[in-house]
Amino acid sequence: MLNGINNSLESYLDLLSVRQKLMASNIANADTPGYKTRDVDFQTEFQNLVHGSAPHVTEVTGLKTNNDGNNVSLDREARLLAENALRFSAVSQLLRGQIRTLKAAIDEGKNG
C-alpha cells in the first residue's frame, strides 16, 4: 500500500516537472513569432503516468493569438507556475511524511 502511494506521488511529481519545463519553454518563447503555447491535460496525463504512459504534450487552444502568430499569455503562465509550485510543495510534504513514517517504523523495529 505504502509503495503504491509513493509511486503515485512520484508520478505526480514527474508530471509537475514536465509541466514546469513546458511553462518555462512557453515563457522563453513569448516573443518568438509563430510559437504556440504547449501544455499537458494534467488530470488525463496523471492517470496515464500511473499506468506507465509518457505525458502527451499538446498545443493549447483558445488563447488570443498575436499578429505574429504567437499565443503565449504571460498571465496564464504565471498563474500556472504558482499553481504548479503549490502542488509540488503539497506533494513534497506528503512524501516527507511517508518517509518519516517509514523511518519511525524501522527505528521502532530496531529498538523492539
N, C-alpha and C. Protein backbone atom coordinates (compact mmCIF):
# COMPACT_ATOMS: atom_id res chain seq x y z
N MET A 1 0.83 -1.20 0.00
CA MET A 1 0.00 0.00 0.00
C MET A 1 0.87 1.26 0.00
N LEU A 2 1.82 1.30 0.91
CA LEU A 2 2.69 2.47 1.01
C LEU A 2 3.48 2.67 -0.27
N ASN A 3 3.97 1.59 -0.85
CA ASN A 3 4.74 1.67 -2.08
C ASN A 3 3.88 2.21 -3.22
N GLY A 4 2.62 1.78 -3.31
CA GLY A 4 1.70 2.26 -4.34
C GLY A 4 1.45 3.75 -4.21
N ILE A 5 1.27 4.20 -2.99
CA ILE A 5 1.05 5.64 -2.76
C ILE A 5 2.30 6.42 -3.15
N ASN A 6 3.46 5.94 -2.73
CA ASN A 6 4.71 6.62 -3.08
C ASN A 6 4.92 6.66 -4.58
N ASN A 7 4.60 5.56 -5.28
CA ASN A 7 4.74 5.55 -6.73
C ASN A 7 3.82 6.57 -7.38
N SER A 8 2.60 6.68 -6.87
CA SER A 8 1.66 7.67 -7.41
C SER A 8 2.15 9.09 -7.15
N LEU A 9 2.68 9.32 -5.96
CA LEU A 9 3.19 10.66 -5.64
C LEU A 9 4.41 10.99 -6.50
N GLU A 10 5.26 9.99 -6.72
CA GLU A 10 6.43 10.21 -7.58
C GLU A 10 5.99 10.50 -9.01
N SER A 11 4.98 9.79 -9.50
CA SER A 11 4.45 10.05 -10.85
C SER A 11 3.88 11.45 -10.93
N TYR A 12 3.21 11.87 -9.88
CA TYR A 12 2.64 13.22 -9.82
C TYR A 12 3.75 14.26 -9.90
N LEU A 13 4.82 14.04 -9.15
CA LEU A 13 5.97 14.96 -9.19
C LEU A 13 6.62 14.97 -10.57
N ASP A 14 6.69 13.82 -11.20
CA ASP A 14 7.24 13.74 -12.56
C ASP A 14 6.41 14.59 -13.51
N LEU A 15 5.09 14.50 -13.41
CA LEU A 15 4.21 15.28 -14.27
C LEU A 15 4.34 16.78 -13.98
N LEU A 16 4.47 17.12 -12.70
CA LEU A 16 4.69 18.53 -12.35
C LEU A 16 5.98 19.04 -12.97
N SER A 17 7.00 18.21 -13.01
CA SER A 17 8.28 18.59 -13.62
C SER A 17 8.12 18.81 -15.11
N VAL A 18 7.39 17.92 -15.77
CA VAL A 18 7.14 18.09 -17.21
C VAL A 18 6.41 19.41 -17.45
N ARG A 19 5.40 19.66 -16.65
CA ARG A 19 4.61 20.89 -16.83
C ARG A 19 5.47 22.13 -16.55
N GLN A 20 6.33 22.06 -15.55
CA GLN A 20 7.23 23.18 -15.23
C GLN A 20 8.12 23.51 -16.44
N LYS A 21 8.67 22.47 -17.06
CA LYS A 21 9.53 22.67 -18.23
C LYS A 21 8.75 23.27 -19.39
N LEU A 22 7.50 22.83 -19.58
CA LEU A 22 6.68 23.38 -20.65
C LEU A 22 6.38 24.86 -20.41
N MET A 23 6.06 25.20 -19.17
CA MET A 23 5.78 26.60 -18.86
C MET A 23 7.01 27.46 -19.05
N ALA A 24 8.17 26.95 -18.64
CA ALA A 24 9.42 27.69 -18.84
C ALA A 24 9.68 27.90 -20.32
N SER A 25 9.42 26.89 -21.12
CA SER A 25 9.59 27.00 -22.57
C SER A 25 8.60 28.01 -23.16
N ASN A 26 7.37 27.97 -22.68
CA ASN A 26 6.36 28.93 -23.15
C ASN A 26 6.80 30.36 -22.85
N ILE A 27 7.26 30.59 -21.64
CA ILE A 27 7.70 31.94 -21.25
C ILE A 27 8.92 32.35 -22.05
N ALA A 28 9.86 31.44 -22.24
CA ALA A 28 11.07 31.76 -23.00
C ALA A 28 10.75 32.11 -24.45
N ASN A 29 9.65 31.59 -24.96
CA ASN A 29 9.27 31.82 -26.35
C ASN A 29 8.14 32.83 -26.51
N ALA A 30 7.89 33.61 -25.48
CA ALA A 30 6.79 34.59 -25.52
C ALA A 30 6.94 35.59 -26.65
N ASP A 31 8.16 35.85 -27.09
CA ASP A 31 8.39 36.80 -28.18
C ASP A 31 8.80 36.11 -29.49
N THR A 32 8.67 34.80 -29.56
CA THR A 32 9.04 34.06 -30.77
C THR A 32 7.86 34.03 -31.73
N PRO A 33 8.00 34.63 -32.89
CA PRO A 33 6.89 34.63 -33.86
C PRO A 33 6.45 33.21 -34.21
N GLY A 34 5.14 32.99 -34.20
CA GLY A 34 4.58 31.70 -34.58
C GLY A 34 4.60 30.64 -33.50
N TYR A 35 5.21 30.92 -32.36
CA TYR A 35 5.27 29.93 -31.29
C TYR A 35 3.87 29.72 -30.71
N LYS A 36 3.51 28.47 -30.48
CA LYS A 36 2.22 28.11 -29.89
C LYS A 36 2.44 27.54 -28.50
N THR A 37 1.66 28.01 -27.56
CA THR A 37 1.71 27.55 -26.17
C THR A 37 1.48 26.04 -26.11
N ARG A 38 2.30 25.36 -25.31
CA ARG A 38 2.18 23.92 -25.12
C ARG A 38 1.90 23.61 -23.66
N ASP A 39 1.17 22.54 -23.43
CA ASP A 39 0.83 22.13 -22.07
C ASP A 39 0.43 20.66 -22.10
N VAL A 40 0.06 20.15 -20.93
CA VAL A 40 -0.48 18.80 -20.80
C VAL A 40 -1.85 18.90 -20.13
N ASP A 41 -2.75 17.98 -20.47
CA ASP A 41 -4.02 17.86 -19.77
C ASP A 41 -3.69 17.14 -18.47
N PHE A 42 -3.56 17.89 -17.38
CA PHE A 42 -2.97 17.38 -16.15
C PHE A 42 -3.68 16.14 -15.62
N GLN A 43 -5.00 16.16 -15.53
CA GLN A 43 -5.73 15.03 -14.96
C GLN A 43 -5.56 13.77 -15.81
N THR A 44 -5.73 13.92 -17.11
CA THR A 44 -5.60 12.78 -18.02
C THR A 44 -4.19 12.22 -17.99
N GLU A 45 -3.22 13.11 -18.05
CA GLU A 45 -1.83 12.65 -18.10
C GLU A 45 -1.38 12.02 -16.78
N PHE A 46 -1.93 12.46 -15.66
CA PHE A 46 -1.60 11.82 -14.39
C PHE A 46 -2.10 10.37 -14.40
N GLN A 47 -3.31 10.16 -14.88
CA GLN A 47 -3.84 8.80 -14.98
C GLN A 47 -2.96 7.96 -15.91
N ASN A 48 -2.53 8.55 -17.03
CA ASN A 48 -1.67 7.83 -17.97
C ASN A 48 -0.32 7.48 -17.32
N LEU A 49 0.25 8.43 -16.55
CA LEU A 49 1.54 8.18 -15.90
C LEU A 49 1.44 7.04 -14.89
N VAL A 50 0.36 7.00 -14.14
CA VAL A 50 0.17 5.95 -13.15
C VAL A 50 0.14 4.59 -13.84
N HIS A 51 -0.35 4.58 -15.08
CA HIS A 51 -0.41 3.33 -15.84
C HIS A 51 0.80 3.14 -16.75
N GLY A 52 1.82 3.97 -16.59
CA GLY A 52 3.08 3.76 -17.29
C GLY A 52 3.26 4.48 -18.62
N SER A 53 2.32 5.32 -19.02
CA SER A 53 2.44 6.04 -20.29
C SER A 53 3.18 7.36 -20.10
N ALA A 54 3.89 7.78 -21.12
CA ALA A 54 4.58 9.08 -21.08
C ALA A 54 3.56 10.20 -21.32
N PRO A 55 3.80 11.38 -20.76
CA PRO A 55 2.88 12.50 -20.96
C PRO A 55 2.79 12.91 -22.43
N HIS A 56 1.60 13.29 -22.84
CA HIS A 56 1.34 13.75 -24.20
C HIS A 56 1.21 15.28 -24.17
N VAL A 57 2.14 15.94 -24.81
CA VAL A 57 2.15 17.40 -24.85
C VAL A 57 1.31 17.87 -26.04
N THR A 58 0.45 18.86 -25.79
CA THR A 58 -0.39 19.39 -26.86
C THR A 58 -0.31 20.91 -26.90
N GLU A 59 -0.71 21.47 -28.05
CA GLU A 59 -0.82 22.92 -28.16
C GLU A 59 -2.10 23.34 -27.45
N VAL A 60 -2.03 24.47 -26.76
CA VAL A 60 -3.18 24.99 -26.04
C VAL A 60 -4.03 25.79 -27.02
N THR A 61 -5.31 25.49 -27.06
CA THR A 61 -6.21 26.21 -27.94
C THR A 61 -7.01 27.23 -27.15
N GLY A 62 -7.61 28.16 -27.85
CA GLY A 62 -8.49 29.14 -27.21
C GLY A 62 -7.78 30.35 -26.66
N LEU A 63 -6.46 30.46 -26.88
CA LEU A 63 -5.72 31.63 -26.41
C LEU A 63 -5.68 32.69 -27.51
N LYS A 64 -5.62 33.93 -27.10
CA LYS A 64 -5.53 35.03 -28.05
C LYS A 64 -4.20 34.94 -28.80
N THR A 65 -4.28 34.98 -30.12
CA THR A 65 -3.08 34.93 -30.95
C THR A 65 -2.70 36.34 -31.38
N ASN A 66 -1.42 36.68 -31.19
CA ASN A 66 -0.91 37.99 -31.59
C ASN A 66 -0.75 38.05 -33.11
N ASN A 67 -0.47 39.23 -33.63
CA ASN A 67 -0.27 39.40 -35.07
C ASN A 67 0.87 38.54 -35.61
N ASP A 68 1.85 38.23 -34.78
CA ASP A 68 2.99 37.42 -35.24
C ASP A 68 2.73 35.91 -35.13
N GLY A 69 1.52 35.53 -34.72
CA GLY A 69 1.16 34.12 -34.62
C GLY A 69 1.45 33.49 -33.28
N ASN A 70 2.04 34.23 -32.36
CA ASN A 70 2.37 33.74 -31.02
C ASN A 70 1.13 33.85 -30.14
N ASN A 71 0.88 32.82 -29.32
CA ASN A 71 -0.29 32.89 -28.43
C ASN A 71 0.06 32.71 -26.95
N VAL A 72 1.31 32.95 -26.58
CA VAL A 72 1.71 32.80 -25.18
C VAL A 72 1.10 33.93 -24.35
N SER A 73 0.43 33.56 -23.27
CA SER A 73 -0.12 34.53 -22.32
C SER A 73 0.73 34.46 -21.06
N LEU A 74 1.49 35.52 -20.81
CA LEU A 74 2.36 35.53 -19.62
C LEU A 74 1.53 35.46 -18.34
N ASP A 75 0.35 36.06 -18.34
CA ASP A 75 -0.53 35.96 -17.17
C ASP A 75 -0.92 34.52 -16.90
N ARG A 76 -1.29 33.78 -17.93
CA ARG A 76 -1.67 32.38 -17.79
C ARG A 76 -0.48 31.57 -17.28
N GLU A 77 0.69 31.79 -17.85
CA GLU A 77 1.87 31.04 -17.45
C GLU A 77 2.26 31.34 -16.00
N ALA A 78 2.14 32.60 -15.59
CA ALA A 78 2.46 32.97 -14.20
C ALA A 78 1.49 32.28 -13.24
N ARG A 79 0.21 32.24 -13.60
CA ARG A 79 -0.79 31.58 -12.76
C ARG A 79 -0.49 30.08 -12.66
N LEU A 80 -0.15 29.46 -13.79
CA LEU A 80 0.15 28.03 -13.78
C LEU A 80 1.44 27.72 -13.01
N LEU A 81 2.43 28.62 -13.10
CA LEU A 81 3.66 28.44 -12.32
C LEU A 81 3.35 28.44 -10.83
N ALA A 82 2.52 29.38 -10.40
CA ALA A 82 2.15 29.44 -8.98
C ALA A 82 1.38 28.19 -8.56
N GLU A 83 0.46 27.75 -9.39
CA GLU A 83 -0.31 26.54 -9.11
C GLU A 83 0.61 25.32 -9.04
N ASN A 84 1.54 25.23 -9.97
CA ASN A 84 2.48 24.12 -10.01
C ASN A 84 3.34 24.10 -8.75
N ALA A 85 3.79 25.28 -8.32
CA ALA A 85 4.62 25.37 -7.11
C ALA A 85 3.83 24.91 -5.88
N LEU A 86 2.56 25.28 -5.78
CA LEU A 86 1.73 24.85 -4.65
C LEU A 86 1.54 23.34 -4.66
N ARG A 87 1.27 22.79 -5.84
CA ARG A 87 1.10 21.33 -5.95
C ARG A 87 2.40 20.61 -5.57
N PHE A 88 3.52 21.11 -6.06
CA PHE A 88 4.81 20.49 -5.75
C PHE A 88 5.07 20.51 -4.25
N SER A 89 4.79 21.64 -3.62
CA SER A 89 5.00 21.76 -2.18
C SER A 89 4.12 20.77 -1.41
N ALA A 90 2.86 20.67 -1.79
CA ALA A 90 1.94 19.77 -1.10
C ALA A 90 2.38 18.31 -1.24
N VAL A 91 2.74 17.91 -2.46
CA VAL A 91 3.14 16.52 -2.69
C VAL A 91 4.47 16.23 -2.00
N SER A 92 5.38 17.19 -1.99
CA SER A 92 6.65 17.00 -1.30
C SER A 92 6.41 16.78 0.19
N GLN A 93 5.49 17.53 0.77
CA GLN A 93 5.15 17.35 2.19
C GLN A 93 4.59 15.95 2.44
N LEU A 94 3.73 15.49 1.55
CA LEU A 94 3.17 14.14 1.70
C LEU A 94 4.27 13.09 1.63
N LEU A 95 5.17 13.22 0.68
CA LEU A 95 6.27 12.26 0.57
C LEU A 95 7.16 12.29 1.80
N ARG A 96 7.46 13.48 2.31
CA ARG A 96 8.27 13.58 3.53
C ARG A 96 7.58 12.89 4.69
N GLY A 97 6.26 13.05 4.79
CA GLY A 97 5.50 12.38 5.84
C GLY A 97 5.57 10.87 5.70
N GLN A 98 5.48 10.37 4.47
CA GLN A 98 5.59 8.93 4.22
C GLN A 98 6.97 8.42 4.63
N ILE A 99 8.00 9.17 4.30
CA ILE A 99 9.37 8.77 4.64
C ILE A 99 9.56 8.78 6.15
N ARG A 100 9.03 9.80 6.84
CA ARG A 100 9.13 9.85 8.30
C ARG A 100 8.42 8.65 8.94
N THR A 101 7.25 8.30 8.41
CA THR A 101 6.50 7.15 8.93
C THR A 101 7.29 5.87 8.75
N LEU A 102 7.86 5.70 7.59
CA LEU A 102 8.66 4.51 7.30
C LEU A 102 9.89 4.45 8.20
N LYS A 103 10.56 5.59 8.36
CA LYS A 103 11.75 5.66 9.22
C LYS A 103 11.38 5.33 10.67
N ALA A 104 10.26 5.86 11.14
CA ALA A 104 9.83 5.59 12.52
C ALA A 104 9.55 4.10 12.71
N ALA A 105 8.94 3.47 11.70
CA ALA A 105 8.67 2.04 11.81
C ALA A 105 9.96 1.23 11.83
N ILE A 106 10.92 1.63 11.02
CA ILE A 106 12.22 0.94 11.00
C ILE A 106 12.92 1.11 12.35
N ASP A 107 12.93 2.36 12.84
CA ASP A 107 13.58 2.62 14.13
C ASP A 107 12.92 1.85 15.26
N GLU A 108 11.59 1.76 15.23
CA GLU A 108 10.87 1.03 16.26
C GLU A 108 11.22 -0.46 16.19
N GLY A 109 11.36 -0.98 14.98
CA GLY A 109 11.72 -2.38 14.79
C GLY A 109 13.12 -2.68 15.33
N LYS A 110 14.03 -1.73 15.17
CA LYS A 110 15.40 -1.91 15.69
C LYS A 110 15.41 -1.91 17.22
N ASN A 111 14.58 -1.05 17.80
CA ASN A 111 14.58 -0.90 19.25
C ASN A 111 13.69 -1.94 19.94
N GLY A 112 12.81 -2.58 19.17
CA GLY A 112 11.86 -3.51 19.78
C GLY A 112 12.36 -4.86 19.85
